[in-house]
Amino acid sequence: HSDFLSKTKMKLFIKNSKLNVIFPLNLSQLKTLPKPTVPPLKRTCELYLSSLETFLQPEELNHTKKLVEEFLIPGGVGETLQKGLERRACNTENWLECLKRKPLVVLLNFGILCTRKDIRDKQGQIRFHLCMFCSDTLPVEYMKGKPLCMKQYEQVFSSCRIPGAKRDSLLFLAKSSNPPKHITVVHNGQFFLLDIYNSDGTLLTVDQLCVQLDRICNSSLQTSMDPVGILTTQRRDVWNKSYISLMQDETNKESLSAIESSILTLCLDGPMPPVSDERMHRKAAFFQMFHGGGSQWYSGNRWFDKGCLVFRLLAQSGSLIPILFHPKYHVFYFVYRNKETPHMIQTPSDPLPMPQKLHFNITPEIKQDIEEAKQHLDTVVQNVDVEITVFNHFGKNAIKARKMSPDAFVQMAIQLAYYRVYQQCCVTVEPASLRTFRLGRLALIHPTSNASVAFVKAFDDPNKQKVDLLEKALKEHKKSTEMVMSGQAVAEHLMGLMCQASEENIPMPDVFTDTSFCKTLDFFHVTTSQHSPLCSCF
């Protein structure tokens, strides 16, 4: 959110031509934040059925109601799973951590596409990327007077999501006895270990980093290598199996360890296909941020389990766009410090060791896994479309002047637009912050309600009173938002119960294999997210 941006700053800046990474945090309030509790089972099931009423046919709804009734039988499987989830909530800081088993790409990872710059030579582009970010210390943030969890900032760097058979884990090394001093760089699908400290313990200068990145680009010109990074785009259980296979080989194990233990992954991309106008350019850049463009482009030039900086080196077209994404955290803002092309600084004369190339021994089994990951990813990519539109007619102040929530107002407008185009309502999701809880991240609001459906269906009918219907829809959206932000999230609770069944080796209840469940919680047509106007898209 834009107001959040005005309060929040990170520090990754250039001082005396040295790269400094500083993350002073205030974590004193962490233990004072409440742990999220597991919502009541019956209440969640009632809200789930209510959400289905907006788009299911009567016969489908009746079938699902019977499954829910069976799930809620006293002493039945629903009660068993609920007790298991409540035990987990008592024994962990946050029972929602790393529950989802979907691919990180598109469905879970977030990203920021920063403002486009016009710098025509590759050296200038690399130098600009290294100099562009700035910040300051991070004070505790507040939402409506409540302190927010700051823990995610501490683990943005030197962390990696490790695929597990049933639940992922987080590797975090910044506070270890031997914290990492290297980053990983990937170019043309090939990975390199790059130390960012000199032998005397000082950080590399910007010029030294430019030399090292140029060396990496020149030593990885081949584009026909097996893109091991594309394995991280698979479903988490599938990736876990490939991960175990990779770890059987000592060379692969060392390379994986180097990637996972690095401070971050720097992805050096080339250009996407040329486009005709600024609108199409934004769209292409969004896809490159979101998923890398597919297996034929840069999706294999990633390690989606780590926080990554993606730099587009576009010497051919004279433009560049820095892109950022992270597999775990959902709030990540950078602020420009230097709007102009950084000036040239004399390169130090000290010799630098060559960046270390990371090798992988690809067995026929792993090669097959890579091909399957390519096919899976390309299917996902083909099913994603985006249209970036800037609305200039009025803003939030005009909406607030009419005593309406800007967010709820826009949600109703989106639902109305969808209904006008397709003559039906659809599953819509919107993220809500859970950072008022310890280790809280995001949960999903489902803005489509009986009240919103009544409003959109009546809007083009001249005989209907639309203002009253809009007010009821806005009131219902506010109620849903407050409920989710208080920790009573239907989607997350049901997903937690499903994961609990998997962990306890309990046969999956029919309510989770029902087509209605997939339509509501495993698939959605429209998702929205607010973002800062300083970013091209988010």
Protein backbone atom coordinates (compact mmCIF):
# COMPACT_ATOMS: atom_id res chain seq x y z
CA HIS A 1 0.00 0.00 0.00
CA SER A 2 1.21 3.50 -0.76
CA ASP A 3 0.86 4.73 2.84
CA PHE A 4 2.96 1.78 3.93
CA LEU A 5 5.67 2.80 1.49
CA SER A 6 5.97 6.23 3.05
CA LYS A 7 6.81 4.67 6.41
CA THR A 8 8.92 1.70 5.38
CA LYS A 9 12.47 1.73 4.12
CA MET A 10 15.17 -0.87 3.56
CA LYS A 11 18.86 -0.34 3.34
CA LEU A 12 20.87 -1.59 0.37
CA PHE A 13 22.96 1.39 -0.67
CA ILE A 14 26.27 2.63 -2.00
CA LYS A 15 28.63 4.50 0.29
CA ASN A 16 32.17 5.37 -0.73
CA SER A 17 31.59 3.07 -3.73
CA LYS A 18 31.05 0.02 -1.50
CA LEU A 19 27.91 -2.10 -1.43
CA ASN A 20 26.41 -2.18 2.04
CA VAL A 21 23.54 -4.41 3.12
CA ILE A 22 22.09 -3.24 6.43
CA PHE A 23 18.94 -4.56 8.07
CA PRO A 24 18.49 -2.97 11.49
CA LEU A 25 15.17 -4.16 12.83
CA ASN A 26 12.98 -3.64 15.82
CA LEU A 27 11.78 -7.10 16.82
CA SER A 28 11.07 -6.20 20.44
CA GLN A 29 7.33 -6.40 19.86
CA LEU A 30 7.42 -9.91 18.33
CA LYS A 31 6.66 -11.85 21.52
CA THR A 32 3.89 -9.44 22.45
CA LEU A 33 1.96 -10.22 19.26
CA PRO A 34 -0.74 -12.89 19.57
CA LYS A 35 -0.35 -16.27 17.88
CA PRO A 36 -3.07 -17.00 15.30
CA THR A 37 -5.73 -19.37 16.60
CA VAL A 38 -7.57 -22.04 14.63
CA PRO A 39 -11.11 -20.85 13.78
CA PRO A 40 -14.14 -22.88 14.96
CA LEU A 41 -14.80 -25.73 12.53
CA LYS A 42 -18.57 -25.32 12.29
CA ARG A 43 -18.31 -21.59 11.64
CA THR A 44 -15.77 -22.12 8.84
CA CYS A 45 -17.98 -24.71 7.16
CA GLU A 46 -21.00 -22.40 7.34
CA LEU A 47 -19.05 -19.57 5.71
CA TYR A 48 -17.72 -21.98 3.09
CA LEU A 49 -21.23 -23.05 2.09
CA SER A 50 -22.39 -19.44 2.04
CA SER A 51 -19.61 -18.57 -0.43
CA LEU A 52 -20.67 -21.42 -2.70
CA GLU A 53 -24.18 -20.02 -3.05
CA THR A 54 -22.93 -17.22 -5.29
CA PHE A 55 -21.95 -19.38 -8.27
CA LEU A 56 -22.91 -23.06 -7.82
CA GLN A 57 -25.95 -24.65 -9.39
CA PRO A 58 -28.57 -25.89 -6.85
CA GLU A 59 -27.77 -29.57 -7.41
CA GLU A 60 -24.03 -28.94 -6.93
CA LEU A 61 -24.69 -26.96 -3.77
CA ASN A 62 -26.92 -29.68 -2.30
CA HIS A 63 -24.25 -32.31 -2.99
CA THR A 64 -21.60 -30.24 -1.24
CA LYS A 65 -23.89 -29.58 1.74
CA LYS A 66 -24.21 -33.34 2.27
CA LEU A 67 -20.42 -33.74 2.18
CA VAL A 68 -20.01 -30.95 4.72
CA GLU A 69 -22.64 -32.54 7.00
CA GLU A 70 -20.71 -35.82 6.87
CA PHE A 71 -17.47 -33.97 7.60
CA LEU A 72 -19.02 -32.34 10.69
CA ILE A 73 -20.42 -35.54 12.28
CA PRO A 74 -19.42 -35.55 15.99
CA GLY A 75 -16.41 -37.80 16.47
CA GLY A 76 -15.85 -37.89 12.71
CA VAL A 77 -12.88 -37.02 10.53
CA GLY A 78 -13.54 -33.26 10.66
CA GLU A 79 -13.32 -33.22 14.45
CA THR A 80 -10.15 -35.34 14.34
CA LEU A 81 -8.44 -32.98 11.91
CA GLN A 82 -9.56 -29.92 13.85
CA LYS A 83 -8.00 -31.27 17.06
CA GLY A 84 -4.78 -32.07 15.19
CA LEU A 85 -4.62 -28.55 13.80
CA GLU A 86 -5.29 -27.07 17.24
CA ARG A 87 -2.41 -29.13 18.66
CA ARG A 88 -0.17 -27.79 15.93
CA ALA A 89 -1.26 -24.23 16.75
CA CYS A 90 -0.28 -24.79 20.41
CA ASN A 91 3.16 -26.16 19.50
CA THR A 92 4.18 -23.70 16.78
CA GLU A 93 4.47 -19.95 16.43
CA ASN A 94 2.12 -19.91 13.43
CA TRP A 95 0.15 -22.91 12.21
CA LEU A 96 -0.25 -21.32 8.76
CA GLU A 97 3.48 -21.46 7.90
CA CYS A 98 4.37 -23.21 4.60
CA LEU A 99 1.05 -25.05 4.29
CA LYS A 100 0.47 -24.68 0.58
CA ARG A 101 1.77 -27.33 -1.81
CA LYS A 102 1.03 -25.50 -5.04
CA PRO A 103 3.84 -24.27 -7.30
CA LEU A 104 5.39 -21.04 -6.07
CA VAL A 105 5.35 -19.55 -9.56
CA VAL A 106 2.22 -17.49 -10.32
CA LEU A 107 0.20 -18.90 -7.42
CA LEU A 108 2.34 -18.00 -4.38
CA ASN A 109 5.42 -15.91 -5.20
CA PHE A 110 5.02 -12.16 -5.30
CA GLY A 111 7.05 -9.73 -7.34
CA ILE A 112 7.65 -6.05 -7.94
CA LEU A 113 8.35 -4.50 -11.31
CA CYS A 114 10.22 -1.24 -10.82
CA THR A 115 10.24 1.81 -13.04
CA ARG A 116 11.85 1.56 -16.47
CA LYS A 117 15.16 3.34 -17.13
CA ASP A 118 16.84 4.26 -20.40
CA ILE A 119 20.49 3.14 -20.19
CA ARG A 120 21.96 1.80 -23.38
CA ASP A 121 25.19 -0.06 -22.55
CA LYS A 122 25.43 -3.27 -20.51
CA GLN A 123 28.07 -1.91 -18.13
CA GLY A 124 25.89 1.10 -17.39
CA GLN A 125 22.90 -1.17 -16.79
CA ILE A 126 24.80 -3.38 -14.35
CA ARG A 127 26.15 -0.32 -12.54
CA PHE A 128 22.70 1.26 -12.27
CA HIS A 129 21.20 -1.93 -10.83
CA LEU A 130 23.89 -2.12 -8.17
CA CYS A 131 23.47 1.53 -7.18
CA MET A 132 19.76 1.95 -7.37
CA PHE A 133 18.38 0.84 -4.02
CA CYS A 134 18.43 2.81 -0.81
CA SER A 135 16.72 2.89 2.54
CA ASP A 136 16.98 3.52 6.22
CA THR A 137 16.30 1.68 9.45
CA LEU A 138 13.00 -0.12 9.88
CA PRO A 139 10.75 1.15 12.66
CA VAL A 140 7.90 -1.00 13.92
CA GLU A 141 4.93 -0.60 11.59
CA TYR A 142 1.36 -0.17 12.75
CA MET A 143 -2.06 -0.84 11.27
CA LYS A 144 -4.97 0.98 12.93
CA GLY A 145 -2.88 1.42 16.05
CA LYS A 146 -1.80 -2.24 16.27
CA PRO A 147 1.89 -3.19 15.89
CA LEU A 148 2.74 -5.44 12.94
CA CYS A 149 5.10 -8.41 12.83
CA MET A 150 8.50 -7.32 11.51
CA LYS A 151 10.08 -10.77 11.42
CA GLN A 152 9.80 -11.20 7.66
CA TYR A 153 12.30 -8.41 6.96
CA GLU A 154 14.96 -10.15 9.01
CA GLN A 155 14.74 -13.24 6.81
CA VAL A 156 14.50 -11.65 3.38
CA PHE A 157 18.21 -12.31 2.79
CA SER A 158 20.23 -15.47 3.52
CA SER A 159 17.08 -17.59 3.50
CA CYS A 160 15.73 -20.33 1.28
CA ARG A 161 12.55 -22.38 1.13
CA ILE A 162 13.42 -26.10 1.17
CA PRO A 163 10.87 -28.46 -0.45
CA GLY A 164 9.47 -31.11 1.88
CA ALA A 165 7.33 -34.16 1.18
CA LYS A 166 4.37 -32.74 3.10
CA ARG A 167 5.50 -29.36 4.42
CA ASP A 168 8.30 -27.03 3.36
CA SER A 169 10.91 -25.66 5.77
CA LEU A 170 12.85 -22.40 5.87
CA LEU A 171 16.63 -22.32 5.91
CA PHE A 172 17.89 -19.09 7.49
CA LEU A 173 21.62 -18.54 7.96
CA ALA A 174 22.09 -14.81 8.55
CA LYS A 175 22.33 -15.33 12.32
CA SER A 176 24.38 -18.53 12.18
CA SER A 177 27.95 -18.76 13.49
CA ASN A 178 29.20 -18.52 9.91
CA PRO A 179 26.77 -16.31 7.96
CA PRO A 180 27.00 -16.42 4.15
CA LYS A 181 29.29 -14.03 2.32
CA HIS A 182 28.30 -14.93 -1.21
CA ILE A 183 25.44 -14.52 -3.64
CA THR A 184 24.47 -16.83 -6.48
CA VAL A 185 24.25 -15.44 -9.99
CA VAL A 186 22.38 -17.22 -12.78
CA HIS A 187 22.84 -16.43 -16.46
CA ASN A 188 21.57 -18.56 -19.35
CA GLY A 189 20.42 -21.14 -16.80
CA GLN A 190 23.94 -21.55 -15.37
CA PHE A 191 24.67 -20.85 -11.72
CA PHE A 192 27.73 -19.16 -10.21
CA LEU A 193 28.92 -18.56 -6.66
CA LEU A 194 30.12 -14.98 -6.26
CA ASP A 195 31.82 -13.86 -3.05
CA ILE A 196 30.90 -10.25 -2.31
CA TYR A 197 33.64 -9.78 0.30
CA ASN A 198 37.34 -9.19 -0.28
CA SER A 199 39.94 -11.27 1.54
CA ASP A 200 40.36 -8.48 4.12
CA GLY A 201 36.66 -8.66 5.04
CA THR A 202 35.58 -5.53 3.19
CA LEU A 203 32.68 -5.62 0.77
CA LEU A 204 33.35 -5.51 -2.95
CA THR A 205 32.99 -2.12 -4.56
CA VAL A 206 30.45 -1.52 -7.29
CA ASP A 207 33.24 -1.61 -9.88
CA GLN A 208 34.50 -4.94 -8.59
CA LEU A 209 30.99 -6.35 -8.79
CA CYS A 210 30.69 -5.06 -12.35
CA VAL A 211 33.90 -6.90 -13.27
CA GLN A 212 32.66 -10.13 -11.70
CA LEU A 213 29.24 -9.99 -13.33
CA ASP A 214 30.82 -9.29 -16.69
CA ARG A 215 33.04 -12.35 -16.21
CA ILE A 216 29.99 -14.46 -15.46
CA CYS A 217 28.17 -13.26 -18.58
CA ASN A 218 31.21 -13.98 -20.76
CA SER A 219 31.71 -17.48 -19.35
CA SER A 220 28.07 -18.59 -19.69
CA LEU A 221 27.24 -17.78 -23.30
CA GLN A 222 25.98 -21.30 -24.03
CA THR A 223 22.18 -21.47 -23.95
CA SER A 224 21.63 -25.22 -24.37
CA MET A 225 22.33 -26.26 -20.76
CA ASP A 226 19.71 -28.20 -18.80
CA PRO A 227 17.86 -25.52 -16.78
CA VAL A 228 17.96 -27.06 -13.31
CA GLY A 229 16.27 -23.97 -11.86
CA ILE A 230 13.04 -24.81 -13.65
CA LEU A 231 12.53 -27.69 -11.22
CA THR A 232 11.63 -25.08 -8.59
CA THR A 233 8.48 -24.22 -10.60
CA GLN A 234 6.86 -27.60 -9.93
CA ARG A 235 4.33 -28.51 -7.26
CA ARG A 236 6.12 -28.72 -3.96
CA ASP A 237 5.69 -32.50 -3.56
CA VAL A 238 6.96 -33.12 -7.11
CA TRP A 239 9.94 -30.79 -6.60
CA ASN A 240 10.69 -32.57 -3.32
CA LYS A 241 11.14 -35.88 -5.16
CA SER A 242 13.46 -34.29 -7.74
CA TYR A 243 15.33 -32.54 -4.92
CA ILE A 244 15.96 -35.85 -3.16
CA SER A 245 17.26 -37.34 -6.42
CA LEU A 246 19.60 -34.41 -6.97
CA MET A 247 20.97 -34.69 -3.44
CA GLN A 248 22.14 -38.28 -4.09
CA ASP A 249 25.06 -36.89 -6.10
CA GLU A 250 27.84 -35.15 -4.15
CA THR A 251 28.47 -32.50 -6.84
CA ASN A 252 24.78 -31.67 -7.01
CA LYS A 253 24.62 -31.55 -3.21
CA GLU A 254 27.44 -29.00 -3.05
CA SER A 255 25.84 -26.85 -5.76
CA LEU A 256 22.44 -26.94 -4.05
CA SER A 257 24.06 -26.01 -0.75
CA ALA A 258 25.82 -23.03 -2.37
CA ILE A 259 22.54 -21.76 -3.82
CA GLU A 260 20.48 -22.29 -0.68
CA SER A 261 23.05 -20.71 1.63
CA SER A 262 23.63 -17.62 -0.50
CA ILE A 263 22.50 -14.14 0.53
CA LEU A 264 20.29 -13.90 -2.55
CA THR A 265 20.08 -15.02 -6.16
CA LEU A 266 20.84 -12.50 -8.90
CA CYS A 267 19.23 -13.45 -12.23
CA LEU A 268 20.71 -11.87 -15.36
CA ASP A 269 18.12 -12.02 -18.16
CA GLY A 270 18.24 -10.91 -21.74
CA PRO A 271 15.47 -9.22 -23.72
CA MET A 272 11.94 -10.51 -24.23
CA PRO A 273 10.38 -10.45 -27.73
CA PRO A 274 10.09 -6.90 -29.10
CA VAL A 275 6.71 -5.23 -28.64
CA SER A 276 4.99 -2.35 -30.37
CA ASP A 277 3.97 0.03 -27.57
CA GLU A 278 4.32 0.88 -23.88
CA ARG A 279 1.21 -1.11 -22.91
CA MET A 280 2.58 -4.29 -24.47
CA HIS A 281 6.01 -3.56 -23.00
CA ARG A 282 4.52 -3.45 -19.50
CA LYS A 283 2.66 -6.66 -20.16
CA ALA A 284 5.80 -8.46 -21.36
CA ALA A 285 7.79 -7.15 -18.40
CA PHE A 286 5.05 -8.30 -16.03
CA PHE A 287 5.23 -11.84 -17.41
CA GLN A 288 9.01 -11.83 -17.10
CA MET A 289 8.61 -10.82 -13.45
CA PHE A 290 5.77 -13.24 -12.79
CA HIS A 291 7.09 -16.45 -14.29
CA GLY A 292 10.10 -15.71 -16.49
CA GLY A 293 8.21 -16.04 -19.77
CA GLY A 294 8.14 -19.85 -19.95
CA SER A 295 10.68 -22.58 -20.61
CA GLN A 296 11.77 -21.01 -23.90
CA TRP A 297 12.71 -17.77 -22.17
CA TYR A 298 13.90 -17.15 -18.61
CA SER A 299 11.86 -19.40 -16.29
CA GLY A 300 14.89 -21.68 -16.00
CA ASN A 301 17.06 -18.67 -15.18
CA ARG A 302 15.64 -18.57 -11.65
CA TRP A 303 15.68 -20.29 -8.29
CA PHE A 304 12.13 -19.61 -7.18
CA ASP A 305 12.78 -20.93 -3.65
CA LYS A 306 14.99 -17.91 -2.88
CA GLY A 307 14.55 -14.18 -2.87
CA CYS A 308 15.75 -13.04 -6.28
CA LEU A 309 16.70 -9.85 -8.04
CA VAL A 310 16.06 -10.12 -11.76
CA PHE A 311 18.00 -7.72 -13.96
CA ARG A 312 17.06 -7.37 -17.60
CA LEU A 313 20.21 -6.49 -19.51
CA LEU A 314 18.84 -5.01 -22.69
CA ALA A 315 21.73 -3.43 -24.50
CA GLN A 316 19.90 -4.01 -27.76
CA SER A 317 16.86 -1.92 -26.87
CA GLY A 318 18.43 0.60 -24.51
CA SER A 319 16.09 -0.02 -21.56
CA LEU A 320 16.17 -1.99 -18.36
CA ILE A 321 13.77 -2.97 -15.64
CA PRO A 322 14.76 -4.30 -12.24
CA ILE A 323 12.43 -7.00 -10.98
CA LEU A 324 12.18 -8.44 -7.46
CA PHE A 325 10.38 -11.45 -6.03
CA HIS A 326 10.48 -13.64 -2.95
CA PRO A 327 9.00 -17.11 -2.23
CA LYS A 328 7.98 -16.48 1.37
CA TYR A 329 7.36 -12.85 2.19
CA HIS A 330 4.65 -10.65 0.81
CA VAL A 331 5.81 -7.14 1.72
CA PHE A 332 8.96 -5.99 -0.02
CA TYR A 333 9.45 -2.34 -0.99
CA PHE A 334 12.49 -0.59 -2.41
CA VAL A 335 12.89 3.16 -2.81
CA TYR A 336 14.93 4.85 -5.47
CA ARG A 337 17.81 6.95 -4.23
CA ASN A 338 19.62 7.70 -7.44
CA LYS A 339 17.44 8.70 -10.40
CA GLU A 340 20.34 9.39 -12.70
CA THR A 341 22.83 7.02 -14.27
CA PRO A 342 25.58 6.44 -11.64
CA HIS A 343 28.91 8.02 -12.44
CA MET A 344 31.91 5.88 -13.32
CA ILE A 345 34.25 4.97 -10.46
CA GLN A 346 37.82 3.83 -10.98
CA THR A 347 38.12 0.07 -10.78
CA PRO A 348 40.39 -1.16 -7.96
CA SER A 349 43.63 -2.78 -9.07
CA ASP A 350 43.40 -5.74 -6.63
CA PRO A 351 43.02 -9.02 -8.53
CA LEU A 352 39.69 -10.77 -8.09
CA PRO A 353 39.20 -14.55 -8.05
CA MET A 354 37.02 -15.91 -10.84
CA PRO A 355 33.42 -16.56 -9.80
CA GLN A 356 32.91 -20.27 -9.15
CA LYS A 357 30.64 -22.07 -11.58
CA LEU A 358 28.23 -24.52 -9.94
CA HIS A 359 27.94 -27.84 -11.72
CA PHE A 360 25.12 -30.37 -11.81
CA ASN A 361 25.32 -34.00 -12.88
CA ILE A 362 22.06 -34.60 -14.71
CA THR A 363 20.87 -38.21 -14.68
CA PRO A 364 18.24 -39.44 -17.17
CA GLU A 365 15.73 -39.34 -14.30
CA ILE A 366 16.49 -35.69 -13.52
CA LYS A 367 16.46 -34.81 -17.22
CA GLN A 368 12.96 -36.28 -17.44
CA ASP A 369 11.94 -34.27 -14.38
CA ILE A 370 13.24 -31.11 -16.07
CA GLU A 371 11.22 -31.83 -19.21
CA GLU A 372 8.08 -32.45 -17.16
CA ALA A 373 8.69 -29.22 -15.24
CA LYS A 374 8.97 -27.37 -18.55
CA GLN A 375 5.66 -28.78 -19.76
CA HIS A 376 3.94 -28.05 -16.45
CA LEU A 377 5.23 -24.50 -16.33
CA ASP A 378 4.32 -23.75 -19.95
CA THR A 379 0.76 -24.90 -19.22
CA VAL A 380 0.63 -22.52 -16.25
CA VAL A 381 2.09 -19.69 -18.34
CA GLN A 382 -0.44 -20.21 -21.13
CA ASN A 383 -3.28 -20.00 -18.59
CA VAL A 384 -2.20 -16.58 -17.29
CA ASP A 385 -3.17 -13.30 -18.89
CA VAL A 386 -2.96 -9.76 -17.63
CA GLU A 387 -4.17 -6.37 -18.70
CA ILE A 388 -2.55 -3.38 -17.06
CA THR A 389 -4.84 -0.35 -17.03
CA VAL A 390 -4.30 3.03 -15.40
CA PHE A 391 -7.55 4.61 -14.19
CA ASN A 392 -7.33 8.41 -14.12
CA HIS A 393 -10.95 9.53 -13.75
CA PHE A 394 -11.01 9.75 -9.97
CA GLY A 395 -9.18 8.32 -6.96
CA LYS A 396 -9.65 7.19 -3.39
CA ASN A 397 -10.45 10.67 -2.05
CA ALA A 398 -13.58 10.92 -4.19
CA ILE A 399 -14.72 7.52 -2.91
CA LYS A 400 -13.95 8.35 0.72
CA ALA A 401 -15.89 11.61 0.38
CA ARG A 402 -18.99 9.44 -0.15
CA LYS A 403 -18.18 7.46 3.01
CA MET A 404 -17.24 4.32 1.11
CA SER A 405 -14.18 2.11 1.36
CA PRO A 406 -12.00 2.54 -1.75
CA ASP A 407 -10.98 -1.12 -1.65
CA ALA A 408 -14.56 -2.39 -1.35
CA PHE A 409 -15.72 0.05 -4.04
CA VAL A 410 -13.09 -1.19 -6.50
CA GLN A 411 -13.91 -4.81 -5.70
CA MET A 412 -17.57 -4.21 -6.58
CA ALA A 413 -16.52 -2.45 -9.81
CA ILE A 414 -14.37 -5.44 -10.79
CA GLN A 415 -17.22 -7.86 -10.12
CA LEU A 416 -19.59 -5.71 -12.13
CA ALA A 417 -17.17 -5.54 -15.06
CA TYR A 418 -16.72 -9.32 -15.02
CA TYR A 419 -20.49 -9.87 -14.93
CA ARG A 420 -21.05 -7.49 -17.84
CA VAL A 421 -18.51 -9.34 -19.96
CA TYR A 422 -19.35 -12.97 -19.07
CA GLN A 423 -22.93 -12.72 -17.75
CA GLN A 424 -22.00 -14.66 -14.65
CA CYS A 425 -20.28 -14.14 -11.31
CA CYS A 426 -16.96 -15.74 -10.52
CA VAL A 427 -14.61 -16.65 -7.70
CA THR A 428 -12.60 -13.56 -6.78
CA VAL A 429 -9.81 -13.37 -4.21
CA GLU A 430 -8.03 -10.50 -2.54
CA PRO A 431 -5.08 -10.70 -0.10
CA ALA A 432 -5.40 -9.42 3.43
CA SER A 433 -2.59 -8.87 5.91
CA LEU A 434 -2.25 -11.09 8.99
CA ARG A 435 0.78 -9.22 10.29
CA THR A 436 -1.03 -8.26 13.49
CA PHE A 437 -0.27 -11.88 14.46
CA ARG A 438 3.10 -13.40 15.25
CA LEU A 439 4.80 -14.44 11.98
CA GLY A 440 1.61 -13.45 10.16
CA ARG A 441 1.71 -12.98 6.40
CA LEU A 442 -1.37 -13.09 4.15
CA ALA A 443 -4.79 -14.68 4.00
CA LEU A 444 -7.41 -14.55 1.26
CA ILE A 445 -10.62 -12.56 1.24
CA HIS A 446 -13.35 -13.80 -1.08
CA PRO A 447 -15.12 -10.56 -2.08
CA THR A 448 -17.94 -12.31 -3.98
CA SER A 449 -20.96 -12.51 -1.67
CA ASN A 450 -24.73 -12.82 -1.99
CA ALA A 451 -24.90 -9.05 -1.49
CA SER A 452 -22.32 -8.30 -4.22
CA VAL A 453 -24.08 -10.67 -6.63
CA ALA A 454 -27.40 -8.93 -6.00
CA PHE A 455 -25.74 -5.57 -6.69
CA VAL A 456 -24.04 -6.50 -9.98
CA LYS A 457 -27.14 -8.23 -11.34
CA ALA A 458 -29.28 -5.19 -10.57
CA PHE A 459 -26.89 -2.50 -11.75
CA ASP A 460 -28.03 -2.35 -15.39
CA ASP A 461 -31.70 -2.75 -14.51
CA PRO A 462 -33.29 0.74 -14.53
CA ASN A 463 -36.07 -0.48 -12.22
CA LYS A 464 -33.75 -1.52 -9.36
CA GLN A 465 -32.51 0.64 -6.47
CA LYS A 466 -28.77 0.34 -6.87
CA VAL A 467 -27.47 2.58 -4.07
CA ASP A 468 -28.96 0.45 -1.29
CA LEU A 469 -27.65 -2.72 -2.89
CA LEU A 470 -24.19 -1.18 -3.21
CA GLU A 471 -24.16 -0.15 0.42
CA LYS A 472 -25.15 -3.67 1.49
CA ALA A 473 -22.41 -5.15 -0.70
CA LEU A 474 -19.81 -2.76 0.72
CA LYS A 475 -20.92 -3.57 4.26
CA GLU A 476 -20.60 -7.29 3.61
CA HIS A 477 -17.14 -6.82 2.10
CA LYS A 478 -16.03 -4.87 5.17
CA LYS A 479 -17.35 -7.63 7.42
CA SER A 480 -15.51 -10.31 5.43
CA THR A 481 -12.28 -8.29 5.46
CA GLU A 482 -12.39 -7.74 9.21
CA MET A 483 -13.12 -11.41 9.80
CA VAL A 484 -10.14 -12.58 7.71
CA MET A 485 -7.79 -10.01 9.24
CA SER A 486 -8.83 -11.18 12.70
CA GLY A 487 -7.54 -14.65 11.81
CA GLN A 488 -10.88 -16.22 10.82
CA ALA A 489 -9.86 -17.10 7.26
CA VAL A 490 -12.00 -19.79 5.64
CA ALA A 491 -9.63 -20.74 2.84
CA GLU A 492 -6.57 -21.05 5.10
CA HIS A 493 -8.50 -23.06 7.70
CA LEU A 494 -9.75 -25.57 5.13
CA MET A 495 -6.31 -25.84 3.53
CA GLY A 496 -4.84 -26.44 6.99
CA LEU A 497 -7.32 -29.26 7.64
CA MET A 498 -6.47 -30.80 4.28
CA CYS A 499 -2.73 -30.64 5.02
CA GLN A 500 -3.39 -32.12 8.46
CA ALA A 501 -5.08 -35.12 6.82
CA SER A 502 -2.01 -35.62 4.64
CA GLU A 503 0.40 -35.34 7.58
CA GLU A 504 -1.60 -37.79 9.72
CA ASN A 505 -1.98 -40.21 6.77
CA ILE A 506 -5.76 -39.95 7.02
CA PRO A 507 -7.65 -40.69 3.75
CA MET A 508 -8.56 -37.37 2.19
CA PRO A 509 -12.16 -36.47 3.14
CA ASP A 510 -14.60 -36.18 0.25
CA VAL A 511 -15.24 -32.52 1.02
CA PHE A 512 -11.67 -31.74 -0.16
CA THR A 513 -11.90 -33.76 -3.39
CA ASP A 514 -15.30 -32.31 -4.29
CA THR A 515 -15.38 -30.23 -7.47
CA SER A 516 -16.93 -27.36 -5.50
CA PHE A 517 -13.83 -27.18 -3.28
CA CYS A 518 -11.59 -26.92 -6.34
CA LYS A 519 -13.79 -24.24 -7.88
CA THR A 520 -13.81 -22.14 -4.74
CA LEU A 521 -10.43 -22.55 -3.07
CA ASP A 522 -8.12 -24.22 -5.57
CA PHE A 523 -8.94 -22.04 -8.57
CA PHE A 524 -10.01 -18.45 -9.07
CA HIS A 525 -10.75 -16.23 -12.04
CA VAL A 526 -9.85 -12.80 -10.66
CA THR A 527 -7.30 -11.71 -8.09
CA THR A 528 -6.35 -8.17 -7.17
CA SER A 529 -3.60 -6.52 -5.15
CA GLN A 530 -2.97 -2.92 -4.18
CA HIS A 531 0.51 -1.60 -4.93
CA SER A 532 2.60 1.50 -4.69
CA PRO A 533 2.34 3.99 -7.58
CA LEU A 534 6.16 4.02 -7.60
CA CYS A 535 6.13 0.48 -9.00
CA SER A 536 5.08 -0.34 -12.55
CA CYS A 537 3.10 -3.31 -11.27
CA PHE A 538 3.03 -5.74 -8.38
